[in-house]
Structure formats: structure tokens, C-alpha cells
Amino acid sequence: MRFSTQGSLTRSGRVRSLAAVGVASLTLAALAGCGSGRTGGGGDNGLVVGTTDKIFSLDPAAAYDQGSYVPETQVYQHLLNFAPGETAPKPDAAEKCDFTTPTVFTCTLKPGLKFANGDPLTAQSVKFSFDRMLKINDPNGPASLLGNLDKTDALNDLTVAFTLKNGNDQTFAAILPTQAGPIVDEKVFPADKIMDDGAIVKAKPFSGPYTISSYDKNKLVQYEANSGYNGILGKPKVSTVSAKYYASSDNLKLDIQNGNIDVAYRSLSPTDMESLGKNDKVTIHTGLGGELRYIVFNMNTMPGNTPEQKLAIRKAVASTVDRDALSNEVYKGTYQPAYSAVPQGFPGAVEPFKDIYGAKPNKEKAAKFLADAGVATPVQINLQYNPDHYGSSSSEEYAAIKNQLESTGLFKINLQSTEWVTYQKERARDGYPVYQMGWFPDYPDPDDYLTPFFGPNNFLQNHFEDPAITAQLTAEVTQPDKDKRLAIIQQIQKDMADKHISILPLLSGKQVAVATKNVQGVDSTLDPSTKFRYSVLSK
């Protein structure tokens, strides 16, 4: 497939068009149903955006979370990106991209690109960025998305070629706009280690719609429009944006309802949303999102003396959790039960956890799994959750899960919580045997719920790897026939639920933002790419 500067598509003579059989054919368009004063300002009425999310790192190699994804979206350019409201990747820093052979994806950059500090942005910058991502391979980073990338070559200043391990990759073009794809300045970033946020801000290696003018991490970040940006996200509609970070959703709710901020994006509680829905001064905006809430099992450190016992414990948990109760009692219906790693609405989504373990808790089935494997009860489980990153209702959610499991008499749950920055570090160090995670998709394709979770070097780092699953993942990514690809995607979901259960899906939901009545552009950025773009907002 060719990506021109106008975004038109032509078929490559060497491979099947991705537009016909890849990401574009499996997009979310097929979904049936996914106290403080003002800061900032400016001549064009600068915006203030509030959030309870936390930035883990501004270094793309170190961050694979929604809190870090928001600033990355504003300040880094990609070769390809998702235009607001669209699900097919189009040129951003690139002028065009082609599959020149089944295993080589070649991009030509726009001439004269520069970072905000004046350094040139060239094919060497692109090669450095991808080489660095894979070399550092940070456990909290997105390198797992690049599992099919063999090498990156700068053929000249404007041409970069990606050689893939497996040909006919139906997802690679859509991976370039993700957190694995920001282009960084090779004159600023070290090649083999993570760079501190403060040093990044000082060096201004930014090439996106905005640069960061002031940075008080997880308190206040101020952005200024980057006059040098001419990519797919468009020129910013406001010249200044201030991002304010809140310790609790209570204060976030108060500030948006009182007009002290313009937009509240992640994460207000269901009670907050119910209250704000009655406020005629704000508008609640929702968009397809495919957010997934789930439990992760560390395959090494979770309870159980043998792999068979560990699997039996996972199956018993799967038979005990009541998703309907979590949806209705904790989240007031704002999240829906999830019975697969791939949420309903995505092409190829099935519900194997419902089929195998039931839609309602089944104590007898759970007890049999444990008894057949010789597991003594009650099973002691250390269950960790995060109280600030996935919304304030996480405490209520995991208290409910603890009660559901313990009410059977089969489990004894030691429930603990940790703030996000520490949580990420401890999770990567095998600190948690069983723990909460959440997911926003990187790109609008069901593979994004499969390969990053279950492939080798998966981002969960929970010691799951299975040769048969790996082979299936490779097959679905490289299968050009749509129907055959969907069949493989369905089988992977069934096998993971029946034979492995490295994660337990719980709930899925949409993107939500609350804005004052005079703010425009919110709906256009709440799209399946899950990129919250400040550049489209105005008032």
C-alpha cells in the first residue's frame, strides 16, 4: 500500500494491499456499539485540561501507558499517524510509505524537517529511534510492539527501510503511529539508556504539534504550539495548553463543574459522571475506545506448586469472578463485562471465558478445578491494584473482587495498593504475583489485544510464552486473507482462555471526556486510535 501526502492509496505490485486485507478492513468502524484558579491562557484563549492520569516518562522507550501517551501525542512526530476520526494510518513525517518487497517497508520523509531545537529530523533520526527502542527494551516500554522488526536502515537522508522478520505483515503500518513509533533526536537522546524528563524538556527534541514550555511532572505541564509542525494532526487551534494533574477525581470534578478547567479527561468516577450529566454547563463526550480492564497472573510467582496447579487456580478464579456485579454495582453500567482479551465490537471477537467458565460465578466448578489439581484451600493470593491510574473506583472494584473470591471459601485474598510510578517499577521486577492492569489499544485492530499480551517479550513481562500461541500470532499477522485471519484470531482467544489464562479479562469501556460548553473538537479526538490530541481542541 502506498501512502501519499494526500493519503490516497495504490496497490503495491508485490504484496496484497493492507487497505484491502489488513488494518483498514478490521477497523473499529465495524463496531455496533468502543479547587484551583485558571492557568495558561493566551491571545487565542488557551485551554486547560485536567486529568488524574500520571506521566511515567517522557522518554518513548520507557513508557507504555495512557498517562505518558498523552504528552507523547502532542510533542513527538511519527512517520505515519492517525488523523482525527480515522482508522487508517496516513503520512505524518513521511511523504509516502510502500511495501517494496513482502518483508521491506520503505518510507520517504518530507524534506527539511527539524526538531524544535533546530536539529534536522532525517532518516538517520528514524533509524536511531527504532534501534534505540529495541536496544533498551525497557520492561515498562513498548518494544514488544516491534517483535516483527528485524532491522532498520537509513538508505539516505530521506529514505528509511524497515526489514521485517515475517512478510505480508498486516499490522506494521498501524504500529508506526503507536508508542513504539515516536521519532527522537539522535543528538539529544542516549542510545542505550533512558533519558530523564527534565533533561528532555530542556533539550526540546520535539517535532509534534506542540512543544513543552514548562514542566512540573504530574502537577502542571504547559505546552506551546510548534510552528514547524506540518503533519497529519494539523496546526494547533490554540497556541497554549496547560495540563493540570489531580491526585483525586473529586477535585477534578469540582474544577470542571465550576469552569476552572476546560476539559476533564481521565478519570472521573461513575458517580461523578452521573452528577455531571445533570449539569447544563458541561457536556459529556464519549467515543469508541476499546478500553480493557483485566487481572494479570505472573506465571512464575503466582500461587501453585506446579504449572498444573497454577492453571487450576487461574481457572478457579475465572469461574468465580462476577463481571456483571462489577459492571452494574461498581461502574453503574459505564463498563461492560469482558469475556475475552479482544473486546466485543472488534472483528473476530468471541467470548470464550463465558463459554468455558460461565457468565455467572460457579463455586462448584471452581472447587473441582482446584480439587482435581490437588490444590489445598483456601488459596492464598496476594492481589495488587493501583488506586490512581485506572480511576478512583479501582478501590471499590478490587474490594468487590476480593469479596467475590473469599465468599466461596476457596480463596484468601491479601489485597494491597500502590501508587502508579512505584506500581510500574515493582510490576516489572516481579513484585506482584497477581495484579490489576488496564489497556487502551495502540491501533484499531484485534491483534493489538493479542500480540502485545501473549507474544514473546510481551509488555506484561509476566513470563508467559507458548510456542503454539506464538506461531498462531505470527500466522494471523501475516495472513492476507481476511476470513482466514479472523479464524486464527478467534482460535487464539479460545486457546488462551482454555489452556493458559495469563490474563483474566474483566470489563471493557469507551473513552470519556467532560468539557465546558464552549470547547470544540472533543468528539473528533475520542476515536479508535485513543490519541487525545490537544491540537484539535478550541474554544
Protein backbone atom coordinates (compact mmCIF):
# COMPACT_ATOMS: atom_id res chain seq x y z
CA MET A 1 0.00 0.00 0.00
CA ARG A 2 1.24 3.47 -0.82
CA PHE A 3 0.68 6.43 1.44
CA SER A 4 0.93 9.71 -0.42
CA THR A 5 0.87 13.13 1.16
CA GLN A 6 -2.79 13.30 0.22
CA GLY A 7 -3.47 9.95 1.87
CA SER A 8 -4.60 8.22 -1.31
CA LEU A 9 -3.92 4.51 -1.67
CA THR A 10 -2.49 2.50 -4.53
CA ARG A 11 -1.79 -1.21 -4.56
CA SER A 12 1.80 -2.39 -4.45
CA GLY A 13 2.55 -4.90 -7.17
CA ARG A 14 4.46 -7.14 -4.77
CA VAL A 15 2.09 -7.62 -1.85
CA ARG A 16 -1.59 -7.62 -1.04
CA SER A 17 -2.84 -4.15 -0.15
CA LEU A 18 -3.13 -3.53 3.57
CA ALA A 19 -6.17 -1.43 2.79
CA ALA A 20 -7.87 -4.49 1.37
CA VAL A 21 -6.94 -7.13 3.91
CA GLY A 22 -5.13 -5.55 6.82
CA VAL A 23 -5.85 -2.96 9.45
CA ALA A 24 -8.23 -0.92 7.35
CA SER A 25 -10.51 -3.92 6.87
CA LEU A 26 -10.59 -4.71 10.57
CA THR A 27 -11.14 -1.21 11.91
CA LEU A 28 -13.44 -0.14 14.66
CA ALA A 29 -15.72 1.36 12.04
CA ALA A 30 -17.31 -2.06 12.22
CA LEU A 31 -18.31 -1.57 15.83
CA ALA A 32 -22.00 -1.82 16.52
CA GLY A 33 -21.78 -0.35 19.91
CA CYS A 34 -15.79 1.05 21.50
CA GLY A 35 -10.19 23.90 43.79
CA SER A 36 -7.72 25.97 41.82
CA GLY A 37 -7.51 29.01 39.61
CA ARG A 38 -7.04 29.13 35.87
CA THR A 39 -3.59 28.56 34.47
CA GLY A 40 -2.35 29.20 30.97
CA GLY A 41 -4.33 31.31 28.55
CA GLY A 42 -3.17 33.41 25.66
CA GLY A 43 -4.38 35.56 22.84
CA ASP A 44 -6.45 32.70 21.44
CA ASN A 45 -7.91 31.63 24.78
CA GLY A 46 -5.52 28.86 25.72
CA LEU A 47 -7.01 25.67 27.13
CA VAL A 48 -6.63 23.94 30.49
CA VAL A 49 -7.02 20.14 30.52
CA GLY A 50 -7.34 18.24 33.79
CA THR A 51 -6.55 14.58 34.46
CA THR A 52 -5.84 12.13 37.25
CA ASP A 53 -3.53 10.14 34.96
CA LYS A 54 0.17 10.19 35.74
CA ILE A 55 3.11 10.60 33.38
CA PHE A 56 5.51 7.72 33.87
CA SER A 57 8.16 9.02 31.45
CA LEU A 58 8.56 11.40 28.50
CA ASP A 59 11.12 9.03 27.01
CA PRO A 60 9.26 6.90 24.43
CA ALA A 61 11.48 3.91 25.15
CA ALA A 62 10.37 3.83 28.80
CA ALA A 63 6.62 4.49 28.66
CA TYR A 64 3.76 2.25 27.63
CA ASP A 65 0.82 3.81 29.45
CA GLN A 66 -2.01 6.20 28.69
CA GLY A 67 -0.72 8.88 31.05
CA SER A 68 2.54 9.14 29.11
CA TYR A 69 0.84 8.63 25.75
CA VAL A 70 -0.99 11.96 26.03
CA PRO A 71 2.13 14.17 26.19
CA GLU A 72 3.88 11.96 23.63
CA THR A 73 0.97 12.56 21.23
CA GLN A 74 1.49 16.31 21.47
CA VAL A 75 5.28 16.57 21.18
CA TYR A 76 6.63 13.71 19.05
CA GLN A 77 6.13 13.11 15.35
CA HIS A 78 5.71 9.69 13.74
CA LEU A 79 6.34 8.52 10.20
CA LEU A 80 2.65 7.64 9.94
CA ASN A 81 -0.14 8.72 12.22
CA PHE A 82 -3.91 8.54 12.64
CA ALA A 83 -5.72 11.68 11.56
CA PRO A 84 -8.55 12.66 13.91
CA GLY A 85 -11.53 10.37 13.41
CA GLU A 86 -9.73 7.99 11.02
CA THR A 87 -8.57 4.40 11.46
CA ALA A 88 -6.14 4.03 8.56
CA PRO A 89 -2.60 5.40 9.09
CA LYS A 90 -1.53 8.31 6.89
CA PRO A 91 1.76 10.19 6.38
CA ASP A 92 2.96 12.41 9.20
CA ALA A 93 6.73 12.92 8.99
CA ALA A 94 6.70 10.65 5.94
CA GLU A 95 5.80 11.78 2.45
CA LYS A 96 4.99 8.23 1.38
CA CYS A 97 5.43 4.64 2.54
CA ASP A 98 5.42 1.44 0.46
CA PHE A 99 5.96 -2.26 0.89
CA THR A 100 8.78 -2.52 -1.66
CA THR A 101 9.06 -6.28 -1.03
CA PRO A 102 6.93 -8.53 1.18
CA THR A 103 9.47 -8.04 4.01
CA VAL A 104 10.67 -4.46 3.41
CA PHE A 105 8.54 -1.44 4.30
CA THR A 106 10.14 1.75 2.94
CA CYS A 107 9.29 5.33 3.85
CA THR A 108 10.38 8.59 2.24
CA LEU A 109 10.45 11.54 4.63
CA LYS A 110 9.31 15.07 3.88
CA PRO A 111 12.35 17.25 3.19
CA GLY A 112 13.50 19.95 5.59
CA LEU A 113 12.03 18.50 8.79
CA LYS A 114 13.50 19.77 12.05
CA PHE A 115 13.11 19.30 15.76
CA ALA A 116 12.07 22.35 17.78
CA ASN A 117 15.69 22.82 18.89
CA GLY A 118 16.81 23.20 15.25
CA ASP A 119 18.33 19.75 14.83
CA PRO A 120 17.46 18.07 11.50
CA LEU A 121 14.94 15.23 11.53
CA THR A 122 16.16 12.73 8.95
CA ALA A 123 16.11 9.05 8.11
CA GLN A 124 19.06 8.69 10.49
CA SER A 125 16.81 10.02 13.26
CA VAL A 126 14.22 7.37 12.42
CA LYS A 127 16.78 4.56 12.37
CA PHE A 128 18.21 5.76 15.69
CA SER A 129 14.74 5.86 17.27
CA PHE A 130 13.81 2.29 16.35
CA ASP A 131 17.28 0.87 17.04
CA ARG A 132 17.25 2.57 20.43
CA MET A 133 13.77 1.29 21.29
CA LEU A 134 14.82 -2.30 20.65
CA LYS A 135 18.26 -1.98 22.26
CA ILE A 136 16.98 -0.54 25.52
CA ASN A 137 13.98 -2.89 25.56
CA ASP A 138 12.78 -1.34 28.80
CA PRO A 139 10.31 -3.58 30.70
CA ASN A 140 7.94 -0.62 31.02
CA GLY A 141 8.33 0.37 27.37
CA PRO A 142 6.54 -0.55 24.12
CA ALA A 143 9.34 -2.52 22.41
CA SER A 144 7.12 -5.61 22.36
CA LEU A 145 5.13 -3.97 19.55
CA LEU A 146 8.20 -4.27 17.32
CA GLY A 147 8.55 -8.02 17.58
CA ASN A 148 8.43 -8.44 13.79
CA LEU A 149 11.07 -5.78 13.10
CA ASP A 150 14.42 -7.31 12.12
CA LYS A 151 16.39 -4.15 11.30
CA THR A 152 16.06 -0.51 10.26
CA ASP A 153 18.29 1.07 7.61
CA ALA A 154 18.70 4.71 6.59
CA LEU A 155 19.26 4.45 2.83
CA ASN A 156 19.88 8.20 2.56
CA ASP A 157 18.82 11.32 4.46
CA LEU A 158 15.20 10.97 3.39
CA THR A 159 14.68 7.22 2.97
CA VAL A 160 14.34 4.61 5.68
CA ALA A 161 13.71 0.90 5.17
CA PHE A 162 12.28 -1.49 7.76
CA THR A 163 13.15 -5.15 7.19
CA LEU A 164 10.61 -7.46 8.80
CA LYS A 165 11.15 -10.99 10.06
CA ASN A 166 7.87 -12.19 8.53
CA GLY A 167 6.45 -10.93 5.26
CA ASN A 168 2.97 -9.64 4.46
CA ASP A 169 2.63 -8.02 7.89
CA GLN A 170 -0.96 -6.81 8.11
CA THR A 171 -0.28 -4.54 11.11
CA PHE A 172 3.15 -2.91 10.69
CA ALA A 173 1.85 0.29 9.10
CA ALA A 174 -0.52 0.72 12.04
CA ILE A 175 2.27 0.10 14.58
CA LEU A 176 4.27 3.09 13.33
CA PRO A 177 1.80 5.61 14.85
CA THR A 178 1.88 3.90 18.27
CA GLN A 179 4.04 4.49 21.35
CA ALA A 180 6.69 2.36 19.67
CA GLY A 181 7.00 4.86 16.82
CA PRO A 182 7.91 8.39 18.04
CA ILE A 183 10.90 9.86 16.22
CA VAL A 184 13.51 11.15 18.68
CA ASP A 185 16.55 13.37 18.21
CA GLU A 186 19.73 11.32 17.94
CA LYS A 187 21.76 14.35 19.04
CA VAL A 188 19.86 14.51 22.33
CA PHE A 189 18.81 11.04 23.45
CA PRO A 190 21.40 8.48 24.62
CA ALA A 191 21.40 5.33 22.51
CA ASP A 192 21.47 2.85 25.37
CA LYS A 193 19.68 4.31 28.39
CA ILE A 194 16.54 6.18 29.41
CA MET A 195 16.68 9.98 29.48
CA ASP A 196 15.35 11.99 32.42
CA ASP A 197 12.20 14.04 31.80
CA GLY A 198 13.79 17.29 32.90
CA ALA A 199 16.69 16.85 30.51
CA ILE A 200 14.29 16.07 27.66
CA VAL A 201 12.26 19.24 28.27
CA LYS A 202 15.42 21.36 28.48
CA ALA A 203 16.79 19.97 25.18
CA LYS A 204 13.45 20.42 23.31
CA PRO A 205 13.79 17.45 20.93
CA PHE A 206 10.16 17.87 19.92
CA SER A 207 8.65 17.73 16.46
CA GLY A 208 4.93 17.30 17.11
CA PRO A 209 2.15 19.91 17.11
CA TYR A 210 3.33 21.27 20.48
CA THR A 211 6.50 21.73 22.49
CA ILE A 212 6.69 21.71 26.28
CA SER A 213 7.42 25.18 27.67
CA SER A 214 7.16 24.36 31.39
CA TYR A 215 7.23 21.02 33.17
CA ASP A 216 6.32 20.22 36.75
CA LYS A 217 5.85 16.47 36.50
CA ASN A 218 2.38 15.24 37.35
CA LYS A 219 1.43 18.68 38.63
CA LEU A 220 1.39 21.12 35.71
CA VAL A 221 2.69 20.81 32.14
CA GLN A 222 2.45 23.77 29.78
CA TYR A 223 2.53 23.44 26.01
CA GLU A 224 3.19 25.94 23.21
CA ALA A 225 2.30 25.44 19.55
CA ASN A 226 5.19 24.26 17.39
CA SER A 227 5.24 26.46 14.29
CA GLY A 228 7.48 23.96 12.49
CA TYR A 229 4.99 21.09 12.56
CA ASN A 230 3.19 20.33 9.27
CA GLY A 231 1.97 16.77 9.84
CA ILE A 232 -1.34 14.92 9.70
CA LEU A 233 -2.56 16.13 13.11
CA GLY A 234 -2.81 19.69 11.77
CA LYS A 235 -1.81 23.07 13.11
CA PRO A 236 -2.95 23.58 16.72
CA LYS A 237 -6.15 25.58 17.03
CA VAL A 238 -4.93 27.16 20.27
CA SER A 239 -1.35 28.30 20.88
CA THR A 240 -1.13 27.29 24.54
CA VAL A 241 -2.44 24.33 26.52
CA SER A 242 -1.94 23.67 30.22
CA ALA A 243 -2.32 20.12 31.55
CA LYS A 244 -3.16 20.02 35.24
CA TYR A 245 -2.74 16.79 37.22
CA TYR A 246 -5.03 15.86 40.10
CA ALA A 247 -4.45 13.49 42.99
CA SER A 248 -8.15 12.62 43.15
CA SER A 249 -11.16 12.70 40.85
CA ASP A 250 -13.11 14.66 43.46
CA ASN A 251 -11.12 17.84 42.82
CA LEU A 252 -11.11 17.18 39.07
CA LYS A 253 -14.91 17.00 39.12
CA LEU A 254 -15.19 20.21 41.16
CA ASP A 255 -12.94 22.15 38.80
CA ILE A 256 -14.71 21.07 35.60
CA GLN A 257 -18.18 21.75 37.00
CA ASN A 258 -17.07 25.17 38.28
CA GLY A 259 -15.39 26.10 34.99
CA ASN A 260 -11.89 26.28 36.48
CA ILE A 261 -10.67 23.97 33.70
CA ASP A 262 -11.93 23.47 30.16
CA VAL A 263 -11.67 19.69 29.74
CA ALA A 264 -11.52 16.73 32.15
CA TYR A 265 -10.02 13.66 30.52
CA ARG A 266 -9.46 10.56 32.67
CA SER A 267 -10.62 9.57 35.12
CA LEU A 268 -13.88 10.57 36.74
CA SER A 269 -15.83 8.08 38.83
CA PRO A 270 -19.22 6.75 37.73
CA THR A 271 -20.83 8.82 40.49
CA ASP A 272 -19.02 11.92 39.21
CA MET A 273 -20.25 11.26 35.68
CA GLU A 274 -23.81 10.75 36.89
CA SER A 275 -23.69 14.10 38.70
CA LEU A 276 -22.04 15.98 35.81
CA GLY A 277 -24.65 14.63 33.43
CA LYS A 278 -27.19 16.83 35.21
CA ASN A 279 -25.01 19.96 34.90
CA ASP A 280 -26.06 22.18 32.00
CA LYS A 281 -22.68 23.95 31.97
CA VAL A 282 -20.73 20.92 30.74
CA THR A 283 -21.03 18.27 28.04
CA ILE A 284 -20.08 14.62 28.47
CA HIS A 285 -18.38 13.35 25.32
CA THR A 286 -17.97 9.62 24.63
CA GLY A 287 -16.16 7.80 21.88
CA LEU A 288 -15.24 4.30 20.76
CA GLY A 289 -12.29 3.26 22.83
CA GLY A 290 -11.95 -0.46 23.47
CA GLU A 291 -10.57 0.10 26.98
CA LEU A 292 -9.96 -3.22 28.74
CA ARG A 293 -9.69 -3.81 32.50
CA TYR A 294 -8.12 -7.13 33.50
CA ILE A 295 -6.15 -9.13 36.04
CA VAL A 296 -2.63 -10.34 35.22
CA PHE A 297 -1.11 -13.54 36.58
CA ASN A 298 2.66 -13.71 36.99
CA MET A 299 3.22 -17.24 35.73
CA ASN A 300 6.27 -17.71 37.98
CA THR A 301 5.29 -16.12 41.27
CA MET A 302 1.52 -16.74 41.49
CA PRO A 303 0.31 -19.43 43.92
CA GLY A 304 0.63 -23.10 42.99
CA ASN A 305 3.42 -25.67 43.29
CA THR A 306 3.32 -26.86 39.69
CA PRO A 307 2.22 -25.41 36.33
CA GLU A 308 -0.86 -27.63 36.53
CA GLN A 309 -1.80 -26.25 39.94
CA LYS A 310 -1.21 -22.68 38.81
CA LEU A 311 -3.51 -23.21 35.82
CA ALA A 312 -6.17 -24.76 38.06
CA ILE A 313 -6.05 -21.71 40.34
CA ARG A 314 -6.43 -19.39 37.35
CA LYS A 315 -9.40 -21.42 36.11
CA ALA A 316 -10.97 -21.33 39.57
CA VAL A 317 -10.62 -17.55 39.69
CA ALA A 318 -12.13 -17.33 36.19
CA SER A 319 -15.10 -19.37 37.41
CA THR A 320 -15.65 -17.13 40.45
CA VAL A 321 -15.41 -13.50 39.32
CA ASP A 322 -18.79 -11.83 38.77
CA ARG A 323 -18.34 -9.33 35.92
CA ASP A 324 -21.99 -8.29 35.88
CA ALA A 325 -21.74 -7.21 39.51
CA LEU A 326 -18.60 -5.19 38.77
CA SER A 327 -20.29 -3.56 35.78
CA ASN A 328 -23.57 -2.68 37.48
CA GLU A 329 -22.69 -2.18 41.14
CA VAL A 330 -19.26 -0.55 40.84
CA TYR A 331 -19.37 1.17 37.44
CA LYS A 332 -23.11 1.87 37.05
CA GLY A 333 -23.09 0.30 33.60
CA THR A 334 -20.34 2.57 32.24
CA TYR A 335 -18.23 -0.56 31.65
CA GLN A 336 -19.47 -3.82 30.13
CA PRO A 337 -18.44 -7.37 31.08
CA ALA A 338 -15.50 -8.66 29.01
CA TYR A 339 -15.20 -12.37 28.31
CA SER A 340 -12.16 -12.22 26.04
CA ALA A 341 -8.91 -10.32 25.62
CA VAL A 342 -10.48 -8.83 22.46
CA PRO A 343 -13.48 -6.65 23.43
CA GLN A 344 -16.82 -7.13 21.75
CA GLY A 345 -17.23 -4.97 18.65
CA PHE A 346 -13.80 -5.73 17.24
CA PRO A 347 -13.82 -8.01 14.20
CA GLY A 348 -13.05 -11.55 15.30
CA ALA A 349 -14.07 -11.05 18.93
CA VAL A 350 -15.57 -14.09 20.66
CA GLU A 351 -16.42 -14.75 24.33
CA PRO A 352 -14.57 -17.92 25.38
CA PHE A 353 -14.49 -17.08 29.10
CA LYS A 354 -18.29 -17.04 29.08
CA ASP A 355 -18.45 -20.26 27.08
CA ILE A 356 -15.94 -22.16 29.24
CA TYR A 357 -16.44 -20.75 32.75
CA GLY A 358 -19.94 -19.26 32.54
CA ALA A 359 -21.42 -15.79 32.72
CA LYS A 360 -22.22 -16.23 36.42
CA PRO A 361 -19.98 -17.42 39.29
CA ASN A 362 -19.86 -21.19 39.69
CA LYS A 363 -18.41 -22.27 43.03
CA GLU A 364 -18.76 -25.97 42.26
CA LYS A 365 -16.81 -25.68 39.02
CA ALA A 366 -14.11 -23.64 40.73
CA ALA A 367 -13.80 -26.16 43.56
CA LYS A 368 -13.48 -29.02 41.08
CA PHE A 369 -10.64 -27.33 39.21
CA LEU A 370 -8.73 -26.96 42.47
CA ALA A 371 -9.52 -30.46 43.79
CA ASP A 372 -8.56 -32.18 40.53
CA ALA A 373 -5.14 -30.49 40.65
CA GLY A 374 -4.61 -31.24 44.34
CA VAL A 375 -4.67 -27.59 45.40
CA ALA A 376 -5.30 -27.06 49.12
CA THR A 377 -7.90 -24.43 50.02
CA PRO A 378 -8.24 -21.65 50.83
CA VAL A 379 -5.70 -20.50 48.24
CA GLN A 380 -3.68 -17.54 49.49
CA ILE A 381 -3.44 -14.83 46.80
CA ASN A 382 -1.58 -11.54 47.06
CA LEU A 383 -3.64 -9.24 44.82
CA GLN A 384 -2.28 -5.80 43.95
CA TYR A 385 -4.16 -2.88 42.42
CA ASN A 386 -3.47 0.74 41.58
CA PRO A 387 -5.67 3.44 43.16
CA ASP A 388 -4.76 6.43 40.96
CA HIS A 389 -4.07 5.35 37.38
CA TYR A 390 -7.19 3.39 36.48
CA GLY A 391 -9.68 5.64 38.23
CA SER A 392 -10.81 6.12 41.81
CA SER A 393 -13.32 3.26 41.51
CA SER A 394 -10.46 0.75 41.35
CA SER A 395 -10.57 0.52 45.15
CA GLU A 396 -14.24 -0.43 45.08
CA GLU A 397 -13.69 -2.76 42.11
CA TYR A 398 -10.95 -4.76 43.79
CA ALA A 399 -12.69 -4.82 47.15
CA ALA A 400 -15.62 -6.41 45.29
CA ILE A 401 -13.32 -8.95 43.60
CA LYS A 402 -11.79 -9.83 46.98
CA ASN A 403 -15.27 -10.37 48.42
CA GLN A 404 -16.37 -12.46 45.43
CA LEU A 405 -13.39 -14.78 45.73
CA GLU A 406 -13.44 -15.09 49.52
CA SER A 407 -17.20 -15.68 49.70
CA THR A 408 -16.65 -19.10 48.10
CA GLY A 409 -14.37 -20.20 50.92
CA LEU A 410 -11.84 -21.27 48.28
CA PHE A 411 -9.60 -18.19 48.47
CA LYS A 412 -7.97 -15.88 50.99
CA ILE A 413 -7.04 -12.55 49.41
CA ASN A 414 -4.34 -10.21 50.65
CA LEU A 415 -5.41 -7.00 48.86
CA GLN A 416 -2.88 -4.16 48.60
CA SER A 417 -2.49 -0.98 46.55
CA THR A 418 0.45 1.09 45.28
CA GLU A 419 0.72 4.46 43.54
CA TRP A 420 1.33 4.28 39.78
CA VAL A 421 5.01 5.18 39.36
CA THR A 422 6.05 2.67 42.04
CA TYR A 423 3.48 0.18 40.73
CA GLN A 424 5.05 0.13 37.28
CA LYS A 425 8.54 -0.45 38.66
CA GLU A 426 7.51 -3.19 41.07
CA ARG A 427 5.40 -4.94 38.46
CA ALA A 428 8.40 -5.08 36.13
CA ARG A 429 10.53 -6.52 38.95
CA ASP A 430 8.13 -9.43 39.54
CA GLY A 431 6.90 -7.73 42.69
CA TYR A 432 3.27 -8.74 42.23
CA PRO A 433 2.03 -12.34 41.81
CA VAL A 434 -1.48 -11.25 40.72
CA TYR A 435 -2.30 -7.67 39.81
CA GLN A 436 -4.57 -5.16 38.10
CA MET A 437 -3.89 -3.71 34.68
CA GLY A 438 -5.82 -1.75 32.07
CA TRP A 439 -5.39 -1.25 28.35
CA PHE A 440 -6.10 1.29 25.67
CA PRO A 441 -5.45 -0.05 22.16
CA ASP A 442 -2.42 1.19 20.24
CA TYR A 443 -4.06 0.72 16.87
CA PRO A 444 -7.59 -0.25 15.78
CA ASP A 445 -7.07 -3.93 15.09
CA PRO A 446 -7.79 -7.05 17.22
CA ASP A 447 -4.11 -8.04 17.03
CA ASP A 448 -3.36 -5.19 19.42
CA TYR A 449 -5.11 -7.21 22.15
CA LEU A 450 -3.18 -10.35 21.29
CA THR A 451 0.48 -9.90 20.26
CA PRO A 452 1.39 -7.30 22.95
CA PHE A 453 -0.18 -9.54 25.62
CA PHE A 454 0.76 -13.06 24.56
CA GLY A 455 3.74 -12.83 22.22
CA PRO A 456 7.40 -13.34 23.17
CA ASN A 457 8.79 -10.37 25.10
CA ASN A 458 5.21 -9.26 25.79
CA PHE A 459 4.81 -5.94 27.59
CA LEU A 460 3.30 -7.60 30.69
CA GLN A 461 6.63 -9.34 31.37
CA ASN A 462 4.63 -11.97 33.29
CA HIS A 463 6.70 -14.88 31.98
CA PHE A 464 4.07 -16.18 29.60
CA GLU A 465 5.32 -17.58 26.32
CA ASP A 466 3.96 -20.54 24.40
CA PRO A 467 5.33 -21.76 21.05
CA ALA A 468 1.90 -22.70 19.71
CA ILE A 469 0.44 -19.31 20.59
CA THR A 470 3.49 -17.56 19.11
CA ALA A 471 3.00 -19.48 15.87
CA GLN A 472 -0.68 -18.51 15.78
CA LEU A 473 0.17 -14.86 16.38
CA THR A 474 2.65 -14.89 13.52
CA ALA A 475 0.06 -16.59 11.31
CA GLU A 476 -2.67 -14.03 11.95
CA VAL A 477 -0.37 -11.05 11.48
CA THR A 478 0.89 -12.34 8.13
CA GLN A 479 -2.37 -13.85 6.77
CA PRO A 480 -3.63 -11.68 3.87
CA ASP A 481 -6.99 -13.45 3.59
CA LYS A 482 -9.41 -11.63 5.88
CA ASP A 483 -11.65 -14.58 6.76
CA LYS A 484 -8.72 -16.89 7.44
CA ARG A 485 -7.08 -14.24 9.58
CA LEU A 486 -10.23 -13.74 11.65
CA ALA A 487 -10.49 -17.50 12.21
CA ILE A 488 -6.95 -17.57 13.64
CA ILE A 489 -7.72 -14.55 15.83
CA GLN A 490 -10.76 -16.36 17.23
CA GLN A 491 -8.78 -19.54 17.91
CA ILE A 492 -6.09 -17.63 19.81
CA GLN A 493 -8.77 -16.19 22.11
CA LYS A 494 -10.22 -19.63 22.75
CA ASP A 495 -6.84 -21.26 23.40
CA MET A 496 -5.75 -18.51 25.79
CA ALA A 497 -8.98 -18.89 27.79
CA ASP A 498 -8.93 -22.69 27.85
CA LYS A 499 -5.26 -23.65 28.06
CA HIS A 500 -3.40 -20.69 29.53
CA ILE A 501 -5.29 -17.72 31.14
CA SER A 502 -2.27 -15.47 31.53
CA ILE A 503 -4.75 -12.61 31.95
CA LEU A 504 -8.36 -12.57 33.15
CA PRO A 505 -10.47 -10.03 31.20
CA LEU A 506 -12.99 -8.24 33.39
CA LEU A 507 -14.56 -5.16 31.78
CA SER A 508 -14.44 -3.06 28.64
CA GLY A 509 -15.46 0.55 28.12
CA LYS A 510 -15.45 3.66 25.99
CA GLN A 511 -13.40 6.85 26.09
CA VAL A 512 -14.98 9.67 28.05
CA ALA A 513 -14.17 13.37 28.40
CA VAL A 514 -16.12 16.20 30.02
CA ALA A 515 -15.82 19.72 28.63
CA THR A 516 -17.36 23.11 29.22
CA LYS A 517 -19.96 24.12 26.65
CA ASN A 518 -17.64 26.49 24.76
CA VAL A 519 -15.00 23.86 23.97
CA GLN A 520 -14.95 22.48 20.42
CA GLY A 521 -13.26 19.44 18.89
CA VAL A 522 -13.50 16.90 21.72
CA ASP A 523 -15.59 14.40 19.78
CA SER A 524 -13.14 14.36 16.88
CA THR A 525 -10.29 13.12 19.08
CA LEU A 526 -12.23 10.46 21.00
CA ASP A 527 -11.69 7.95 18.21
CA PRO A 528 -10.43 4.34 17.99
CA SER A 529 -6.77 5.44 17.88
CA THR A 530 -7.15 6.55 21.54
CA LYS A 531 -4.88 9.53 20.79
CA PHE A 532 -6.08 12.54 22.78
CA ARG A 533 -4.92 15.38 20.55
CA TYR A 534 -4.74 18.88 22.02
CA SER A 535 -4.26 20.30 18.52
CA VAL A 536 -7.92 19.78 17.54
CA LEU A 537 -9.36 21.48 20.64
CA SER A 538 -10.52 25.09 20.67
CA LYS A 539 -13.00 27.39 22.36
